[in-house]
Every structure is written in structure tokens, then in C-alpha cells.
Amino acid sequence: MAAGIDRETLEGLYDRYNRREFVHPDPLEFLYDYDELADREIVALVASSLAYGKVAQIIKSVAAVLERMGPAPAVFLRASSPRSLEMKLSGLKHRMTTGQDLARVLAGVKTVIERYGSLNACFASKMNAGYETVIPALSSFVAEVSEESGGSCEFHLPSPDGGSACKRLNLFLRWLVRKDEVDPGGWEGVPLSKLVVPLDTHMHKICYKYGMTKRKQADLGTALEITARFKEIAPDDPVRYDFALTRLGIRDDAFSSHILY
């Protein structure tokens, strides 16, 4: 393992930054407002699907969507038709994502929840004890939601089948499967040990610098390689350090503390 990225170093980073006080601004913070898992998993999907671009705009966009859904998103979705979803979310826009795009995704989500009882039950049904990671189940989950959405949500729910690192969907899984001071959890039937690092260019840069990968593209292959390296350190929870590591570059004191230098 590269110098400066051993377990002791990472645990120090985790102890210092894996705290709720360091979450804002992060779309994860919206999940804290929902005690009911039925609401939280819907909020997690909305928040993660919009988690691209400048964080200030992400926060603004997620808040706008949730305001229109009301205090109980699960009740709102259960009572909505595809047409009423389009009307309710009309006029919303987050970069390339329109209210119509979100309405289609949520219509698919509604159908899947009606079929399985919850998104958790749907995803868990696609897990297999022989899977090394969640990726095969994620592919099946995305395919089913996409089909029920009319096959028009490739950007919002990208499939790992195309080689995407699926950063936003792996964030969604981290938030709902892990449970600690930062990640609220709640899902069952999806092992922590099979989660994959939510890889974007920022996380890739950090991991490349510290020898977690030599691959130069932030794609699925790189995400799996980095996850495997973290699994050498934390076999039961390979994404344990994701939140703390992503504070590097976000918080000036993370660098000035010389934790990784």
C-alpha cells in the first residue's frame, strides 16, 4: 500500500472528518430529514441523481424537487400518476435534467415500489451470494427502473454495463446501506462488503496520487480497482473512508492538518 494511505492514516482521517458537522454542503444532508425508510430511499434517489455540477446548485435543485413532493415523498409518489408527476415537477431544471426527466424516473420508481414493496426489496432481490460487488445487482436494478420509466433515463440512472463508474448510484447505495454518523442507512439485504467506491474525477485524483490505482480514467474498471485496494484495509466496509477522503480539497483544514502528507 502506498505510503500515507495505510489503515492508521485512513482511520485518523475517518475519526476527524466522518462527522455530521462536516456534511454541509452535500446532497446527503437531505436524507436526515426523513425518519421513514420509504421516504428516505426516494429522497436518496432524487438527491443522488442530481449530484452533478456545482454543489450550491445541487442543493438548490434537490430542495426545489423535495418542496414539490411535500413532507412525505412516499405518500406523494403513491398518489401520483405519470401525468400528475409531470405537472407537479414542470418548470424544474438542473443543468441537463428537466422536471419531465425526473417525472419519468419517478414514474418508474413508483411502479417498482408497487411491485416489490420498496426500492430496498427490489435491489436486494437482485443480489446473489456469489457476487463480489453490487455491480451485477445494480445493472439489473437500473434496467428494471429504466424499463418502467420508458427507457428514457440513461443519464440519470446510468448502467455499469456501459463501463460507467456510476458514481451517483454508488453514492445512493452508500447512503442507504452504510450506517454511521454520516450515512443514515436503513437498507437490508445488501452487504457492506460489496459496495463500490463512488468514483468521480476528484476521488480518482486522490486515489491516483496515493497509489490506489495507476489507471488514468475514472471509469468502472478504476472504481473496482480502487475498491479492491480499500478492501485490503477494510474487508467488511470498503467504502468506509469515502466521505472523509472527499473532504480533501473541500476543506482547507484537511490539507493544513497534514493528515496525508
Protein backbone atom coordinates (compact mmCIF):
# COMPACT_ATOMS: atom_id res chain seq x y z
CA MET A 1 0.00 0.00 0.00
CA ALA A 2 1.26 3.49 -0.82
CA ALA A 3 2.89 5.49 1.92
CA GLY A 4 0.46 7.80 3.69
CA ILE A 5 -2.64 5.75 2.82
CA ASP A 6 -2.40 2.85 5.27
CA ARG A 7 -5.16 1.88 7.70
CA GLU A 8 -3.85 4.05 10.53
CA THR A 9 -3.80 7.12 8.31
CA LEU A 10 -7.27 6.46 6.93
CA GLU A 11 -8.71 5.79 10.39
CA GLY A 12 -7.27 9.11 11.53
CA LEU A 13 -8.99 10.82 8.64
CA TYR A 14 -12.23 8.96 9.37
CA ASP A 15 -12.17 9.90 13.07
CA ARG A 16 -11.58 13.53 12.23
CA TYR A 17 -13.96 14.12 9.33
CA ASN A 18 -16.62 11.41 9.32
CA ARG A 19 -18.97 13.60 11.34
CA ARG A 20 -22.30 15.14 10.53
CA GLU A 21 -20.94 18.61 11.20
CA PHE A 22 -18.83 18.28 8.05
CA VAL A 23 -21.65 17.16 5.73
CA HIS A 24 -22.94 20.55 4.59
CA PRO A 25 -22.95 21.33 1.73
CA ASP A 26 -23.69 17.83 0.42
CA PRO A 27 -26.94 16.41 -1.01
CA LEU A 28 -26.67 13.65 1.60
CA GLU A 29 -27.92 16.15 4.20
CA PHE A 30 -31.48 15.95 2.80
CA LEU A 31 -31.80 12.33 3.93
CA TYR A 32 -31.52 13.37 7.57
CA ASP A 33 -34.97 14.98 7.44
CA TYR A 34 -36.74 11.65 6.82
CA ASP A 35 -37.17 9.05 9.55
CA GLU A 36 -39.26 6.72 7.39
CA LEU A 37 -37.16 4.49 5.15
CA ALA A 38 -39.88 4.59 2.48
CA ASP A 39 -39.32 8.35 2.23
CA ARG A 40 -35.55 8.25 2.66
CA GLU A 41 -34.87 5.89 -0.22
CA ILE A 42 -36.87 8.07 -2.62
CA VAL A 43 -35.10 11.20 -1.38
CA ALA A 44 -31.76 9.41 -1.78
CA LEU A 45 -32.53 8.57 -5.40
CA VAL A 46 -33.59 12.14 -6.18
CA ALA A 47 -30.60 13.68 -4.39
CA SER A 48 -28.03 11.31 -5.90
CA SER A 49 -29.43 11.64 -9.43
CA LEU A 50 -28.94 15.42 -9.23
CA ALA A 51 -25.47 15.18 -7.64
CA TYR A 52 -23.52 16.60 -10.56
CA GLY A 53 -22.28 20.14 -11.19
CA LYS A 54 -21.65 22.84 -8.60
CA VAL A 55 -22.68 21.83 -5.12
CA ALA A 56 -24.60 25.05 -4.43
CA GLN A 57 -26.80 24.41 -7.45
CA ILE A 58 -27.21 20.74 -6.49
CA ILE A 59 -28.52 21.74 -3.06
CA LYS A 60 -30.87 24.31 -4.58
CA SER A 61 -32.22 21.85 -7.17
CA VAL A 62 -32.76 18.97 -4.72
CA ALA A 63 -34.55 21.33 -2.30
CA ALA A 64 -36.84 22.54 -5.10
CA VAL A 65 -37.82 18.98 -6.07
CA LEU A 66 -38.46 17.90 -2.49
CA GLU A 67 -40.52 21.01 -1.78
CA ARG A 68 -42.91 19.99 -4.56
CA MET A 69 -43.09 16.42 -3.26
CA GLY A 70 -44.12 17.56 0.21
CA PRO A 71 -43.19 16.20 3.65
CA ALA A 72 -43.86 12.53 2.78
CA PRO A 73 -42.35 11.65 -0.63
CA ALA A 74 -43.56 8.03 -0.45
CA VAL A 75 -47.17 9.15 0.04
CA PHE A 76 -46.77 11.74 -2.72
CA LEU A 77 -45.44 9.15 -5.15
CA ARG A 78 -48.06 6.57 -4.28
CA ALA A 79 -50.81 9.10 -5.04
CA SER A 80 -49.27 10.36 -8.29
CA SER A 81 -49.85 9.32 -11.89
CA PRO A 82 -47.20 9.81 -14.59
CA ARG A 83 -49.18 12.80 -15.85
CA SER A 84 -49.54 14.40 -12.42
CA LEU A 85 -45.81 13.90 -11.79
CA GLU A 86 -45.00 15.80 -14.97
CA MET A 87 -47.36 18.59 -13.96
CA LYS A 88 -46.04 18.77 -10.40
CA LEU A 89 -42.38 18.90 -11.50
CA SER A 90 -42.96 21.11 -14.54
CA GLY A 91 -40.53 24.01 -14.87
CA LEU A 92 -37.79 22.46 -12.75
CA LYS A 93 -34.35 22.20 -14.31
CA HIS A 94 -30.93 21.17 -13.04
CA ARG A 95 -28.35 21.59 -15.76
CA MET A 96 -29.31 18.87 -18.29
CA THR A 97 -32.07 17.42 -16.10
CA THR A 98 -35.60 18.72 -16.56
CA GLY A 99 -38.67 18.24 -14.42
CA GLN A 100 -40.01 15.96 -17.15
CA ASP A 101 -36.89 13.78 -16.88
CA LEU A 102 -37.36 13.43 -13.13
CA ALA A 103 -41.07 12.73 -13.56
CA ARG A 104 -40.28 9.80 -15.87
CA VAL A 105 -37.72 8.37 -13.46
CA LEU A 106 -40.11 8.71 -10.53
CA ALA A 107 -42.91 7.08 -12.51
CA GLY A 108 -40.62 4.10 -12.98
CA VAL A 109 -39.69 4.14 -9.32
CA LYS A 110 -43.37 4.17 -8.36
CA THR A 111 -44.06 1.06 -10.45
CA VAL A 112 -41.05 -0.77 -9.00
CA ILE A 113 -42.11 0.08 -5.44
CA GLU A 114 -45.64 -1.17 -6.18
CA ARG A 115 -44.16 -4.41 -7.48
CA TYR A 116 -41.65 -5.10 -4.69
CA GLY A 117 -42.86 -3.01 -1.77
CA SER A 118 -39.73 -0.84 -1.69
CA LEU A 119 -36.60 0.01 -3.63
CA ASN A 120 -34.67 -1.89 -0.96
CA ALA A 121 -36.65 -5.08 -1.65
CA CYS A 122 -36.16 -4.64 -5.39
CA PHE A 123 -32.39 -4.22 -5.12
CA ALA A 124 -31.97 -6.97 -2.53
CA SER A 125 -33.86 -9.39 -4.78
CA LYS A 126 -31.16 -8.91 -7.40
CA MET A 127 -28.24 -9.65 -5.08
CA ASN A 128 -26.57 -13.04 -5.26
CA ALA A 129 -24.27 -14.52 -2.63
CA GLY A 130 -21.73 -15.22 -5.35
CA TYR A 131 -21.41 -11.60 -6.44
CA GLU A 132 -18.10 -9.97 -5.49
CA THR A 133 -19.66 -6.49 -5.62
CA VAL A 134 -23.06 -4.85 -6.02
CA ILE A 135 -22.38 -4.15 -9.71
CA PRO A 136 -24.40 -7.05 -11.23
CA ALA A 137 -27.37 -6.21 -8.99
CA LEU A 138 -27.00 -2.52 -9.84
CA SER A 139 -27.18 -3.37 -13.55
CA SER A 140 -30.41 -5.32 -13.04
CA PHE A 141 -31.89 -2.63 -10.77
CA VAL A 142 -31.16 0.13 -13.28
CA ALA A 143 -32.56 -1.96 -16.14
CA GLU A 144 -35.84 -2.53 -14.32
CA VAL A 145 -36.36 1.08 -13.21
CA SER A 146 -35.35 2.32 -16.66
CA GLU A 147 -37.78 -0.02 -18.39
CA GLU A 148 -40.62 1.20 -16.20
CA SER A 149 -39.54 4.79 -16.89
CA GLY A 150 -39.96 4.27 -20.60
CA GLY A 151 -36.26 3.63 -21.19
CA SER A 152 -35.51 7.34 -21.11
CA CYS A 153 -33.32 7.76 -18.03
CA GLU A 154 -29.88 6.58 -19.14
CA PHE A 155 -28.20 9.79 -17.96
CA HIS A 156 -29.98 9.88 -14.62
CA LEU A 157 -29.60 6.17 -13.88
CA PRO A 158 -26.51 5.10 -15.83
CA SER A 159 -25.87 1.37 -16.10
CA PRO A 160 -22.47 -0.09 -15.24
CA ASP A 161 -22.95 -2.27 -18.35
CA GLY A 162 -21.63 0.66 -20.39
CA GLY A 163 -18.46 0.98 -18.29
CA SER A 164 -19.62 3.95 -16.24
CA ALA A 165 -18.28 4.21 -12.70
CA CYS A 166 -21.89 5.06 -11.71
CA LYS A 167 -20.66 7.49 -9.07
CA ARG A 168 -24.12 8.84 -8.24
CA LEU A 169 -25.74 5.42 -7.92
CA ASN A 170 -22.87 4.16 -5.76
CA LEU A 171 -23.39 7.22 -3.58
CA PHE A 172 -27.08 6.28 -3.37
CA LEU A 173 -26.09 2.80 -2.19
CA ARG A 174 -23.50 4.09 0.28
CA TRP A 175 -26.03 6.41 1.89
CA LEU A 176 -28.67 3.69 2.29
CA VAL A 177 -26.56 0.61 3.08
CA ARG A 178 -23.96 2.07 5.45
CA LYS A 179 -24.96 3.37 8.86
CA ASP A 180 -22.75 5.60 10.95
CA GLU A 181 -22.72 9.25 11.98
CA VAL A 182 -22.70 10.39 8.35
CA ASP A 183 -24.53 7.70 6.36
CA PRO A 184 -28.09 7.14 7.70
CA GLY A 185 -28.51 3.62 6.26
CA GLY A 186 -31.70 1.62 6.67
CA TRP A 187 -31.45 -0.87 3.81
CA GLU A 188 -31.10 -4.60 4.46
CA GLY A 189 -30.01 -7.49 2.28
CA VAL A 190 -27.14 -5.63 0.62
CA PRO A 191 -23.78 -6.43 2.27
CA LEU A 192 -21.49 -3.53 3.16
CA SER A 193 -18.58 -5.59 1.92
CA LYS A 194 -19.91 -5.50 -1.65
CA LEU A 195 -20.32 -1.74 -2.02
CA VAL A 196 -18.20 0.06 -4.62
CA VAL A 197 -16.42 3.40 -4.15
CA PRO A 198 -18.42 6.29 -5.67
CA LEU A 199 -15.70 7.40 -8.08
CA ASP A 200 -15.56 10.82 -9.69
CA THR A 201 -12.60 12.79 -11.03
CA HIS A 202 -11.86 14.29 -7.60
CA MET A 203 -11.77 10.93 -5.80
CA HIS A 204 -9.82 9.44 -8.71
CA LYS A 205 -7.19 12.17 -8.41
CA ILE A 206 -6.75 11.49 -4.69
CA CYS A 207 -6.52 7.73 -5.14
CA TYR A 208 -4.16 8.03 -8.10
CA LYS A 209 -1.87 10.32 -6.12
CA TYR A 210 -1.67 7.85 -3.24
CA GLY A 211 -1.11 4.73 -5.30
CA MET A 212 -4.57 3.17 -5.07
CA THR A 213 -4.66 2.93 -8.87
CA LYS A 214 -2.49 3.61 -11.89
CA ARG A 215 -5.45 3.76 -14.25
CA LYS A 216 -5.98 7.21 -15.74
CA GLN A 217 -9.71 7.09 -16.44
CA ALA A 218 -12.38 7.42 -13.76
CA ASP A 219 -14.40 4.52 -15.16
CA LEU A 220 -15.89 1.33 -13.73
CA GLY A 221 -12.62 -0.61 -14.00
CA THR A 222 -10.86 2.05 -11.96
CA ALA A 223 -13.65 2.17 -9.38
CA LEU A 224 -13.39 -1.60 -8.92
CA GLU A 225 -9.60 -1.49 -8.66
CA ILE A 226 -9.72 1.25 -6.01
CA THR A 227 -12.45 -0.60 -4.14
CA ALA A 228 -10.28 -3.73 -4.11
CA ARG A 229 -7.41 -1.75 -2.59
CA PHE A 230 -9.66 -0.35 0.13
CA LYS A 231 -10.96 -3.85 0.75
CA GLU A 232 -7.43 -4.90 1.71
CA ILE A 233 -7.67 -2.35 4.52
CA ALA A 234 -11.36 -2.68 5.45
CA PRO A 235 -12.65 -6.01 4.08
CA ASP A 236 -16.12 -5.64 5.58
CA ASP A 237 -16.60 -1.98 4.61
CA PRO A 238 -14.51 -0.89 1.61
CA VAL A 239 -16.29 2.46 1.21
CA ARG A 240 -15.78 3.37 4.87
CA TYR A 241 -13.34 6.16 4.04
CA ASP A 242 -15.16 7.65 1.06
CA PHE A 243 -16.78 10.59 2.82
CA ALA A 244 -13.68 11.51 4.83
CA LEU A 245 -11.40 11.32 1.80
CA THR A 246 -13.65 13.55 -0.26
CA ARG A 247 -13.28 16.27 2.37
CA LEU A 248 -9.76 16.70 0.99
CA GLY A 249 -9.88 19.59 -1.41
CA ILE A 250 -13.25 20.67 0.02
CA ARG A 251 -11.93 21.68 3.43
CA ASP A 252 -8.76 23.74 3.71
CA ASP A 253 -8.03 22.38 7.19
CA ALA A 254 -7.87 18.82 5.80
CA PHE A 255 -4.75 19.79 3.91
CA SER A 256 -3.26 22.07 6.55
CA SER A 257 -3.57 19.25 9.11
CA HIS A 258 -1.02 17.24 7.01
CA ILE A 259 -3.04 14.06 7.59
CA LEU A 260 -1.90 12.62 4.28
CA TYR A 261 1.45 14.38 3.97
